[in-house]
Amino acid sequence: MTAEAEERWLAIVAHATRPFFRYARFAGRASRDEFHWFLLATLLVLAAGYALDWLILGSSVWTKPDFFRLASFVLLAPPTLAVTVRRLRDIAATSPASTRFPKG
């Protein structure tokens, strides 16, 4: 692996994990890379929770939430909310409704 590729992977990991350290910080802004890499990481963790529930506990997607799905949701909800609020602030949206309608 070249030095450039290694730097890029370290940047991706930093963007994906930064919201976990800033889960209670709603002030400031979130970059586009931080928001998108974190959402990708969140989807992968949620998919892993579903897979673990299905493989270990034998539950299907349509039954009641089991341990791994519920645990992954509870752990990911605060940082997801915080990074979404910071990203909306970065694009100058005052509320989620303001992104639905064009200005001007």
PDB file of N, CA and C in Angstrom:
ATOM      1  N   MET A   1       0.843  -1.172   0.000  1.00  0.00           N
ATOM      2  CA  MET A   1       0.000   0.000   0.000  1.00  0.00           C
ATOM      3  C   MET A   1       0.891   1.239   0.000  1.00  0.00           C
ATOM      4  N   THR A   2       0.581   2.159  -0.860  1.00  0.00           N
ATOM      5  CA  THR A   2       1.395   3.358  -0.956  1.00  0.00           C
ATOM      6  C   THR A   2       1.056   4.315   0.189  1.00  0.00           C
ATOM      7  N   ALA A   3       1.887   5.311   0.355  1.00  0.00           N
ATOM      8  CA  ALA A   3       1.677   6.286   1.428  1.00  0.00           C
ATOM      9  C   ALA A   3       0.399   7.093   1.202  1.00  0.00           C
ATOM     10  N   GLU A   4       0.114   7.420  -0.070  1.00  0.00           N
ATOM     11  CA  GLU A   4      -1.112   8.170  -0.378  1.00  0.00           C
ATOM     12  C   GLU A   4      -2.356   7.358  -0.059  1.00  0.00           C
ATOM     13  N   ALA A   5      -2.340   6.087  -0.419  1.00  0.00           N
ATOM     14  CA  ALA A   5      -3.500   5.231  -0.141  1.00  0.00           C
ATOM     15  C   ALA A   5      -3.694   5.054   1.359  1.00  0.00           C
ATOM     16  N   GLU A   6      -2.601   4.919   2.063  1.00  0.00           N
ATOM     17  CA  GLU A   6      -2.695   4.779   3.518  1.00  0.00           C
ATOM     18  C   GLU A   6      -3.241   6.048   4.166  1.00  0.00           C
ATOM     19  N   GLU A   7      -2.804   7.204   3.674  1.00  0.00           N
ATOM     20  CA  GLU A   7      -3.329   8.477   4.179  1.00  0.00           C
ATOM     21  C   GLU A   7      -4.824   8.606   3.907  1.00  0.00           C
ATOM     22  N   ARG A   8      -5.255   8.177   2.731  1.00  0.00           N
ATOM     23  CA  ARG A   8      -6.678   8.262   2.381  1.00  0.00           C
ATOM     24  C   ARG A   8      -7.513   7.371   3.296  1.00  0.00           C
ATOM     25  N   TRP A   9      -7.029   6.147   3.561  1.00  0.00           N
ATOM     26  CA  TRP A   9      -7.763   5.254   4.457  1.00  0.00           C
ATOM     27  C   TRP A   9      -7.823   5.814   5.862  1.00  0.00           C
ATOM     28  N   LEU A  10      -6.739   6.411   6.326  1.00  0.00           N
ATOM     29  CA  LEU A  10      -6.751   7.021   7.656  1.00  0.00           C
ATOM     30  C   LEU A  10      -7.729   8.191   7.713  1.00  0.00           C
ATOM     31  N   ALA A  11      -7.823   8.954   6.628  1.00  0.00           N
ATOM     32  CA  ALA A  11      -8.780  10.061   6.578  1.00  0.00           C
ATOM     33  C   ALA A  11     -10.215   9.539   6.588  1.00  0.00           C
ATOM     34  N   ILE A  12     -10.473   8.462   5.875  1.00  0.00           N
ATOM     35  CA  ILE A  12     -11.817   7.877   5.858  1.00  0.00           C
ATOM     36  C   ILE A  12     -12.198   7.384   7.243  1.00  0.00           C
ATOM     37  N   VAL A  13     -11.281   6.697   7.900  1.00  0.00           N
ATOM     38  CA  VAL A  13     -11.553   6.196   9.253  1.00  0.00           C
ATOM     39  C   VAL A  13     -11.776   7.364  10.213  1.00  0.00           C
ATOM     40  N   ALA A  14     -10.993   8.419  10.068  1.00  0.00           N
ATOM     41  CA  ALA A  14     -11.167   9.591  10.926  1.00  0.00           C
ATOM     42  C   ALA A  14     -12.535  10.242  10.707  1.00  0.00           C
ATOM     43  N   HIS A  15     -12.946  10.359   9.460  1.00  0.00           N
ATOM     44  CA  HIS A  15     -14.265  10.948   9.160  1.00  0.00           C
ATOM     45  C   HIS A  15     -15.386  10.059   9.681  1.00  0.00           C
ATOM     46  N   ALA A  16     -15.228   8.756   9.583  1.00  0.00           N
ATOM     47  CA  ALA A  16     -16.290   7.836  10.004  1.00  0.00           C
ATOM     48  C   ALA A  16     -16.409   7.735  11.520  1.00  0.00           C
ATOM     49  N   THR A  17     -15.322   7.958  12.237  1.00  0.00           N
ATOM     50  CA  THR A  17     -15.359   7.796  13.697  1.00  0.00           C
ATOM     51  C   THR A  17     -15.481   9.113  14.455  1.00  0.00           C
ATOM     52  N   ARG A  18     -15.254  10.232  13.816  1.00  0.00           N
ATOM     53  CA  ARG A  18     -15.308  11.531  14.501  1.00  0.00           C
ATOM     54  C   ARG A  18     -16.655  11.798  15.192  1.00  0.00           C
ATOM     55  N   PRO A  19     -17.807  11.478  14.578  1.00  0.00           N
ATOM     56  CA  PRO A  19     -19.077  11.727  15.273  1.00  0.00           C
ATOM     57  C   PRO A  19     -19.253  10.943  16.565  1.00  0.00           C
ATOM     58  N   PHE A  20     -18.572   9.810  16.714  1.00  0.00           N
ATOM     59  CA  PHE A  20     -18.660   9.079  17.975  1.00  0.00           C
ATOM     60  C   PHE A  20     -18.033   9.861  19.118  1.00  0.00           C
ATOM     61  N   PHE A  21     -17.026  10.652  18.815  1.00  0.00           N
ATOM     62  CA  PHE A  21     -16.373  11.462  19.845  1.00  0.00           C
ATOM     63  C   PHE A  21     -17.092  12.791  20.064  1.00  0.00           C
ATOM     64  N   ARG A  22     -17.930  13.184  19.120  1.00  0.00           N
ATOM     65  CA  ARG A  22     -18.676  14.442  19.213  1.00  0.00           C
ATOM     66  C   ARG A  22     -20.181  14.191  19.287  1.00  0.00           C
ATOM     67  N   TYR A  23     -20.584  13.097  19.910  1.00  0.00           N
ATOM     68  CA  TYR A  23     -21.991  12.712  19.894  1.00  0.00           C
ATOM     69  C   TYR A  23     -22.894  13.664  20.655  1.00  0.00           C
ATOM     70  N   ALA A  24     -22.358  14.442  21.587  1.00  0.00           N
ATOM     71  CA  ALA A  24     -23.184  15.366  22.366  1.00  0.00           C
ATOM     72  C   ALA A  24     -22.964  16.814  21.948  1.00  0.00           C
ATOM     73  N   ARG A  25     -22.213  17.027  20.887  1.00  0.00           N
ATOM     74  CA  ARG A  25     -21.910  18.377  20.438  1.00  0.00           C
ATOM     75  C   ARG A  25     -22.759  18.713  19.218  1.00  0.00           C
ATOM     76  N   PHE A  26     -23.746  19.573  19.438  1.00  0.00           N
ATOM     77  CA  PHE A  26     -24.627  19.982  18.347  1.00  0.00           C
ATOM     78  C   PHE A  26     -24.186  21.313  17.746  1.00  0.00           C
ATOM     79  N   ALA A  27     -23.244  21.979  18.379  1.00  0.00           N
ATOM     80  CA  ALA A  27     -22.718  23.237  17.854  1.00  0.00           C
ATOM     81  C   ALA A  27     -21.623  22.929  16.833  1.00  0.00           C
ATOM     82  N   GLY A  28     -21.419  23.844  15.941  1.00  0.00           N
ATOM     83  CA  GLY A  28     -20.380  23.661  14.935  1.00  0.00           C
ATOM     84  C   GLY A  28     -20.951  23.123  13.641  1.00  0.00           C
ATOM     85  N   ARG A  29     -20.074  22.631  12.817  1.00  0.00           N
ATOM     86  CA  ARG A  29     -20.459  22.156  11.493  1.00  0.00           C
ATOM     87  C   ARG A  29     -19.819  20.810  11.219  1.00  0.00           C
ATOM     88  N   ALA A  30     -20.429  20.041  10.331  1.00  0.00           N
ATOM     89  CA  ALA A  30     -19.894  18.755   9.901  1.00  0.00           C
ATOM     90  C   ALA A  30     -19.619  18.829   8.404  1.00  0.00           C
ATOM     91  N   SER A  31     -18.456  18.387   8.016  1.00  0.00           N
ATOM     92  CA  SER A  31     -18.113  18.416   6.598  1.00  0.00           C
ATOM     93  C   SER A  31     -18.910  17.347   5.846  1.00  0.00           C
ATOM     94  N   ARG A  32     -18.927  17.503   4.550  1.00  0.00           N
ATOM     95  CA  ARG A  32     -19.633  16.544   3.710  1.00  0.00           C
ATOM     96  C   ARG A  32     -19.022  15.152   3.843  1.00  0.00           C
ATOM     97  N   ASP A  33     -17.687  15.076   3.862  1.00  0.00           N
ATOM     98  CA  ASP A  33     -17.021  13.781   4.014  1.00  0.00           C
ATOM     99  C   ASP A  33     -17.352  13.131   5.350  1.00  0.00           C
ATOM    100  N   GLU A  34     -17.303  13.914   6.416  1.00  0.00           N
ATOM    101  CA  GLU A  34     -17.617  13.378   7.737  1.00  0.00           C
ATOM    102  C   GLU A  34     -19.035  12.807   7.771  1.00  0.00           C
ATOM    103  N   PHE A  35     -19.984  13.542   7.232  1.00  0.00           N
ATOM    104  CA  PHE A  35     -21.382  13.118   7.243  1.00  0.00           C
ATOM    105  C   PHE A  35     -21.578  11.845   6.434  1.00  0.00           C
ATOM    106  N   HIS A  36     -21.055  11.801   5.212  1.00  0.00           N
ATOM    107  CA  HIS A  36     -21.309  10.653   4.351  1.00  0.00           C
ATOM    108  C   HIS A  36     -20.560   9.404   4.796  1.00  0.00           C
ATOM    109  N   TRP A  37     -19.313   9.536   5.218  1.00  0.00           N
ATOM    110  CA  TRP A  37     -18.583   8.352   5.692  1.00  0.00           C
ATOM    111  C   TRP A  37     -19.181   7.821   6.982  1.00  0.00           C
ATOM    112  N   PHE A  38     -19.680   8.718   7.853  1.00  0.00           N
ATOM    113  CA  PHE A  38     -20.317   8.253   9.073  1.00  0.00           C
ATOM    114  C   PHE A  38     -21.623   7.523   8.751  1.00  0.00           C
ATOM    115  N   LEU A  39     -22.403   8.038   7.817  1.00  0.00           N
ATOM    116  CA  LEU A  39     -23.644   7.353   7.453  1.00  0.00           C
ATOM    117  C   LEU A  39     -23.371   5.982   6.841  1.00  0.00           C
ATOM    118  N   LEU A  40     -22.326   5.863   6.041  1.00  0.00           N
ATOM    119  CA  LEU A  40     -21.968   4.563   5.494  1.00  0.00           C
ATOM    120  C   LEU A  40     -21.571   3.604   6.612  1.00  0.00           C
ATOM    121  N   ALA A  41     -20.764   4.086   7.557  1.00  0.00           N
ATOM    122  CA  ALA A  41     -20.363   3.247   8.691  1.00  0.00           C
ATOM    123  C   ALA A  41     -21.578   2.854   9.523  1.00  0.00           C
ATOM    124  N   THR A  42     -22.513   3.778   9.697  1.00  0.00           N
ATOM    125  CA  THR A  42     -23.730   3.486  10.453  1.00  0.00           C
ATOM    126  C   THR A  42     -24.547   2.398   9.766  1.00  0.00           C
ATOM    127  N   LEU A  43     -24.702   2.493   8.455  1.00  0.00           N
ATOM    128  CA  LEU A  43     -25.444   1.461   7.732  1.00  0.00           C
ATOM    129  C   LEU A  43     -24.772   0.099   7.841  1.00  0.00           C
ATOM    130  N   LEU A  44     -23.455   0.075   7.799  1.00  0.00           N
ATOM    131  CA  LEU A  44     -22.740  -1.196   7.938  1.00  0.00           C
ATOM    132  C   LEU A  44     -22.920  -1.788   9.329  1.00  0.00           C
ATOM    133  N   VAL A  45     -22.879  -0.948  10.373  1.00  0.00           N
ATOM    134  CA  VAL A  45     -23.073  -1.439  11.739  1.00  0.00           C
ATOM    135  C   VAL A  45     -24.503  -1.941  11.930  1.00  0.00           C
ATOM    136  N   LEU A  46     -25.480  -1.219  11.399  1.00  0.00           N
ATOM    137  CA  LEU A  46     -26.863  -1.677  11.499  1.00  0.00           C
ATOM    138  C   LEU A  46     -27.079  -2.986  10.744  1.00  0.00           C
ATOM    139  N   ALA A  47     -26.473  -3.120   9.583  1.00  0.00           N
ATOM    140  CA  ALA A  47     -26.582  -4.371   8.827  1.00  0.00           C
ATOM    141  C   ALA A  47     -25.928  -5.516   9.593  1.00  0.00           C
ATOM    142  N   ALA A  48     -24.816  -5.237  10.248  1.00  0.00           N
ATOM    143  CA  ALA A  48     -24.170  -6.267  11.064  1.00  0.00           C
ATOM    144  C   ALA A  48     -25.058  -6.660  12.240  1.00  0.00           C
ATOM    145  N   GLY A  49     -25.755  -5.698  12.830  1.00  0.00           N
ATOM    146  CA  GLY A  49     -26.692  -6.010  13.914  1.00  0.00           C
ATOM    147  C   GLY A  49     -27.814  -6.906  13.448  1.00  0.00           C
ATOM    148  N   TYR A  50     -28.370  -6.621  12.273  1.00  0.00           N
ATOM    149  CA  TYR A  50     -29.410  -7.475  11.715  1.00  0.00           C
ATOM    150  C   TYR A  50     -28.866  -8.881  11.447  1.00  0.00           C
ATOM    151  N   ALA A  51     -27.671  -8.949  10.878  1.00  0.00           N
ATOM    152  CA  ALA A  51     -27.080 -10.251  10.562  1.00  0.00           C
ATOM    153  C   ALA A  51     -26.803 -11.055  11.830  1.00  0.00           C
ATOM    154  N   LEU A  52     -26.296 -10.412  12.857  1.00  0.00           N
ATOM    155  CA  LEU A  52     -26.034 -11.118  14.112  1.00  0.00           C
ATOM    156  C   LEU A  52     -27.330 -11.614  14.749  1.00  0.00           C
ATOM    157  N   ASP A  53     -28.368 -10.799  14.712  1.00  0.00           N
ATOM    158  CA  ASP A  53     -29.656 -11.251  15.238  1.00  0.00           C
ATOM    159  C   ASP A  53     -30.167 -12.463  14.463  1.00  0.00           C
ATOM    160  N   TRP A  54     -30.006 -12.436  13.166  1.00  0.00           N
ATOM    161  CA  TRP A  54     -30.496 -13.524  12.344  1.00  0.00           C
ATOM    162  C   TRP A  54     -29.669 -14.791  12.547  1.00  0.00           C
ATOM    163  N   LEU A  55     -28.332 -14.637  12.615  1.00  0.00           N
ATOM    164  CA  LEU A  55     -27.466 -15.806  12.741  1.00  0.00           C
ATOM    165  C   LEU A  55     -27.450 -16.387  14.152  1.00  0.00           C
ATOM    166  N   ILE A  56     -27.357 -15.530  15.156  1.00  0.00           N
ATOM    167  CA  ILE A  56     -27.194 -16.010  16.523  1.00  0.00           C
ATOM    168  C   ILE A  56     -28.536 -16.256  17.196  1.00  0.00           C
ATOM    169  N   LEU A  57     -29.433 -15.302  17.085  1.00  0.00           N
ATOM    170  CA  LEU A  57     -30.704 -15.409  17.800  1.00  0.00           C
ATOM    171  C   LEU A  57     -31.824 -16.011  16.966  1.00  0.00           C
ATOM    172  N   GLY A  58     -31.609 -16.136  15.674  1.00  0.00           N
ATOM    173  CA  GLY A  58     -32.599 -16.768  14.809  1.00  0.00           C
ATOM    174  C   GLY A  58     -33.832 -15.932  14.553  1.00  0.00           C
ATOM    175  N   SER A  59     -33.709 -14.610  14.651  1.00  0.00           N
ATOM    176  CA  SER A  59     -34.874 -13.761  14.407  1.00  0.00           C
ATOM    177  C   SER A  59     -34.842 -13.247  12.977  1.00  0.00           C
ATOM    178  N   SER A  60     -36.019 -12.943  12.468  1.00  0.00           N
ATOM    179  CA  SER A  60     -36.097 -12.379  11.123  1.00  0.00           C
ATOM    180  C   SER A  60     -36.237 -10.864  11.228  1.00  0.00           C
ATOM    181  N   VAL A  61     -36.202 -10.199  10.096  1.00  0.00           N
ATOM    182  CA  VAL A  61     -36.281  -8.742  10.074  1.00  0.00           C
ATOM    183  C   VAL A  61     -37.631  -8.257  10.567  1.00  0.00           C
ATOM    184  N   TRP A  62     -38.675  -9.041  10.376  1.00  0.00           N
ATOM    185  CA  TRP A  62     -40.026  -8.571  10.657  1.00  0.00           C
ATOM    186  C   TRP A  62     -40.505  -8.892  12.067  1.00  0.00           C
ATOM    187  N   THR A  63     -39.712  -9.588  12.859  1.00  0.00           N
ATOM    188  CA  THR A  63     -40.122  -9.879  14.234  1.00  0.00           C
ATOM    189  C   THR A  63     -39.701  -8.742  15.154  1.00  0.00           C
ATOM    190  N   LYS A  64     -39.966  -8.903  16.420  1.00  0.00           N
ATOM    191  CA  LYS A  64     -39.616  -7.857  17.383  1.00  0.00           C
ATOM    192  C   LYS A  64     -38.112  -7.603  17.371  1.00  0.00           C
ATOM    193  N   PRO A  65     -37.688  -6.379  17.689  1.00  0.00           N
ATOM    194  CA  PRO A  65     -36.249  -6.086  17.713  1.00  0.00           C
ATOM    195  C   PRO A  65     -35.545  -6.929  18.766  1.00  0.00           C
ATOM    196  N   ASP A  66     -34.474  -7.519  18.396  1.00  0.00           N
ATOM    197  CA  ASP A  66     -33.699  -8.323  19.329  1.00  0.00           C
ATOM    198  C   ASP A  66     -32.491  -7.546  19.813  1.00  0.00           C
ATOM    199  N   PHE A  67     -31.626  -8.215  20.521  1.00  0.00           N
ATOM    200  CA  PHE A  67     -30.554  -7.550  21.242  1.00  0.00           C
ATOM    201  C   PHE A  67     -29.629  -6.730  20.346  1.00  0.00           C
ATOM    202  N   PHE A  68     -29.083  -7.323  19.302  1.00  0.00           N
ATOM    203  CA  PHE A  68     -28.072  -6.636  18.498  1.00  0.00           C
ATOM    204  C   PHE A  68     -28.658  -5.467  17.704  1.00  0.00           C
ATOM    205  N   ARG A  69     -29.865  -5.645  17.189  1.00  0.00           N
ATOM    206  CA  ARG A  69     -30.504  -4.533  16.478  1.00  0.00           C
ATOM    207  C   ARG A  69     -30.801  -3.380  17.411  1.00  0.00           C
ATOM    208  N   LEU A  70     -31.348  -3.690  18.562  1.00  0.00           N
ATOM    209  CA  LEU A  70     -31.681  -2.643  19.518  1.00  0.00           C
ATOM    210  C   LEU A  70     -30.422  -1.955  20.055  1.00  0.00           C
ATOM    211  N   ALA A  71     -29.390  -2.740  20.351  1.00  0.00           N
ATOM    212  CA  ALA A  71     -28.139  -2.172  20.867  1.00  0.00           C
ATOM    213  C   ALA A  71     -27.481  -1.271  19.821  1.00  0.00           C
ATOM    214  N   SER A  72     -27.451  -1.699  18.562  1.00  0.00           N
ATOM    215  CA  SER A  72     -26.826  -0.865  17.537  1.00  0.00           C
ATOM    216  C   SER A  72     -27.626   0.414  17.315  1.00  0.00           C
ATOM    217  N   PHE A  73     -28.950   0.331  17.377  1.00  0.00           N
ATOM    218  CA  PHE A  73     -29.767   1.535  17.215  1.00  0.00           C
ATOM    219  C   PHE A  73     -29.541   2.510  18.364  1.00  0.00           C
ATOM    220  N   VAL A  74     -29.531   2.002  19.601  1.00  0.00           N
ATOM    221  CA  VAL A  74     -29.342   2.872  20.764  1.00  0.00           C
ATOM    222  C   VAL A  74     -27.956   3.519  20.742  1.00  0.00           C
ATOM    223  N   LEU A  75     -26.937   2.791  20.342  1.00  0.00           N
ATOM    224  CA  LEU A  75     -25.584   3.347  20.298  1.00  0.00           C
ATOM    225  C   LEU A  75     -25.386   4.339  19.154  1.00  0.00           C
ATOM    226  N   LEU A  76     -26.113   4.165  18.059  1.00  0.00           N
ATOM    227  CA  LEU A  76     -25.906   5.018  16.885  1.00  0.00           C
ATOM    228  C   LEU A  76     -26.848   6.208  16.803  1.00  0.00           C
ATOM    229  N   ALA A  77     -27.935   6.215  17.545  1.00  0.00           N
ATOM    230  CA  ALA A  77     -28.902   7.306  17.439  1.00  0.00           C
ATOM    231  C   ALA A  77     -28.332   8.664  17.860  1.00  0.00           C
ATOM    232  N   PRO A  78     -27.679   8.808  19.021  1.00  0.00           N
ATOM    233  CA  PRO A  78     -27.171  10.147  19.391  1.00  0.00           C
ATOM    234  C   PRO A  78     -26.127  10.711  18.431  1.00  0.00           C
ATOM    235  N   PRO A  79     -25.090   9.942  18.028  1.00  0.00           N
ATOM    236  CA  PRO A  79     -24.146  10.548  17.080  1.00  0.00           C
ATOM    237  C   PRO A  79     -24.752  10.846  15.715  1.00  0.00           C
ATOM    238  N   THR A  80     -25.725  10.030  15.286  1.00  0.00           N
ATOM    239  CA  THR A  80     -26.375  10.291  14.002  1.00  0.00           C
ATOM    240  C   THR A  80     -27.171  11.583  14.056  1.00  0.00           C
ATOM    241  N   LEU A  81     -27.894  11.787  15.131  1.00  0.00           N
ATOM    242  CA  LEU A  81     -28.647  13.029  15.284  1.00  0.00           C
ATOM    243  C   LEU A  81     -27.710  14.236  15.345  1.00  0.00           C
ATOM    244  N   ALA A  82     -26.633  14.130  16.108  1.00  0.00           N
ATOM    245  CA  ALA A  82     -25.702  15.254  16.247  1.00  0.00           C
ATOM    246  C   ALA A  82     -25.027  15.596  14.921  1.00  0.00           C
ATOM    247  N   VAL A  83     -24.542  14.593  14.191  1.00  0.00           N
ATOM    248  CA  VAL A  83     -23.853  14.881  12.926  1.00  0.00           C
ATOM    249  C   VAL A  83     -24.833  15.400  11.883  1.00  0.00           C
ATOM    250  N   THR A  84     -26.094  14.970  11.935  1.00  0.00           N
ATOM    251  CA  THR A  84     -27.097  15.487  11.004  1.00  0.00           C
ATOM    252  C   THR A  84     -27.398  16.950  11.284  1.00  0.00           C
ATOM    253  N   VAL A  85     -27.526  17.310  12.551  1.00  0.00           N
ATOM    254  CA  VAL A  85     -27.760  18.713  12.906  1.00  0.00           C
ATOM    255  C   VAL A  85     -26.571  19.570  12.479  1.00  0.00           C
ATOM    256  N   ARG A  86     -25.353  19.092  12.722  1.00  0.00           N
ATOM    257  CA  ARG A  86     -24.168  19.866  12.327  1.00  0.00           C
ATOM    258  C   ARG A  86     -24.062  19.980  10.814  1.00  0.00           C
ATOM    259  N   ARG A  87     -24.441  18.943  10.083  1.00  0.00           N
ATOM    260  CA  ARG A  87     -24.399  19.007   8.615  1.00  0.00           C
ATOM    261  C   ARG A  87     -25.449  19.972   8.085  1.00  0.00           C
ATOM    262  N   LEU A  88     -26.647  19.955   8.664  1.00  0.00           N
ATOM    263  CA  LEU A  88     -27.668  20.912   8.231  1.00  0.00           C
ATOM    264  C   LEU A  88     -27.217  22.343   8.493  1.00  0.00           C
ATOM    265  N   ARG A  89     -26.510  22.551   9.581  1.00  0.00           N
ATOM    266  CA  ARG A  89     -25.994  23.882   9.866  1.00  0.00           C
ATOM    267  C   ARG A  89     -24.914  24.262   8.842  1.00  0.00           C
ATOM    268  N   ASP A  90     -24.134  23.292   8.415  1.00  0.00           N
ATOM    269  CA  ASP A  90     -23.077  23.564   7.446  1.00  0.00           C
ATOM    270  C   ASP A  90     -23.644  23.983   6.098  1.00  0.00           C
ATOM    271  N   ILE A  91     -24.814  23.452   5.732  1.00  0.00           N
ATOM    272  CA  ILE A  91     -25.409  23.850   4.451  1.00  0.00           C
ATOM    273  C   ILE A  91     -26.376  25.011   4.627  1.00  0.00           C
ATOM    274  N   ALA A  92     -26.341  25.636   5.808  1.00  0.00           N
ATOM    275  CA  ALA A  92     -27.121  26.839   6.121  1.00  0.00           C
ATOM    276  C   ALA A  92     -28.615  26.571   6.161  1.00  0.00           C
ATOM    277  N   ALA A  93     -29.011  25.388   6.564  1.00  0.00           N
ATOM    278  CA  ALA A  93     -30.426  25.076   6.739  1.00  0.00           C
ATOM    279  C   ALA A  93     -30.788  25.338   8.191  1.00  0.00           C
ATOM    280  N   THR A  94     -31.825  26.099   8.414  1.00  0.00           N
ATOM    281  CA  THR A  94     -32.223  26.402   9.778  1.00  0.00           C
ATOM    282  C   THR A  94     -33.074  25.297  10.374  1.00  0.00           C
ATOM    283  N   SER A  95     -33.739  24.513   9.532  1.00  0.00           N
ATOM    284  CA  SER A  95     -34.527  23.386  10.002  1.00  0.00           C
ATOM    285  C   SER A  95     -34.580  22.358   8.880  1.00  0.00           C
ATOM    286  N   PRO A  96     -34.921  21.099   9.192  1.00  0.00           N
ATOM    287  CA  PRO A  96     -35.024  20.101   8.116  1.00  0.00           C
ATOM    288  C   PRO A  96     -36.059  20.479   7.063  1.00  0.00           C
ATOM    289  N   ALA A  97     -37.107  21.206   7.436  1.00  0.00           N
ATOM    290  CA  ALA A  97     -38.130  21.607   6.466  1.00  0.00           C
ATOM    291  C   ALA A  97     -37.583  22.612   5.454  1.00  0.00           C
ATOM    292  N   SER A  98     -36.581  23.389   5.841  1.00  0.00           N
ATOM    293  CA  SER A  98     -36.063  24.403   4.923  1.00  0.00           C
ATOM    294  C   SER A  98     -35.264  23.800   3.777  1.00  0.00           C
ATOM    295  N   THR A  99     -34.875  22.538   3.874  1.00  0.00           N
ATOM    296  CA  THR A  99     -34.154  21.901   2.779  1.00  0.00           C
ATOM    297  C   THR A  99     -35.099  21.358   1.707  1.00  0.00           C
ATOM    298  N   ARG A 100     -36.392  21.331   1.988  1.00  0.00           N
ATOM    299  CA  ARG A 100     -37.351  20.767   1.048  1.00  0.00           C
ATOM    300  C   ARG A 100     -37.777  21.760  -0.034  1.00  0.00           C
ATOM    301  N   PHE A 101     -37.760  23.028   0.295  1.00  0.00           N
ATOM    302  CA  PHE A 101     -38.256  24.030  -0.616  1.00  0.00           C
ATOM    303  C   PHE A 101     -37.131  24.954  -1.055  1.00  0.00           C
ATOM    304  N   PRO A 102     -37.045  25.247  -2.357  1.00  0.00           N
ATOM    305  CA  PRO A 102     -35.995  26.147  -2.819  1.00  0.00           C
ATOM    306  C   PRO A 102     -36.229  27.565  -2.323  1.00  0.00           C
ATOM    307  N   LYS A 103     -35.124  28.266  -2.090  1.00  0.00           N
ATOM    308  CA  LYS A 103     -35.224  29.652  -1.632  1.00  0.00           C
ATOM    309  C   LYS A 103     -35.135  30.586  -2.838  1.00  0.00           C
ATOM    310  N   GLY A 104     -35.862  31.676  -2.747  1.00  0.00           N
ATOM    311  CA  GLY A 104     -35.702  32.687  -3.768  1.00  0.00           C
ATOM    312  C   GLY A 104     -36.814  32.819  -4.675  1.00  0.00           C
TER     313      GLY A 104
END
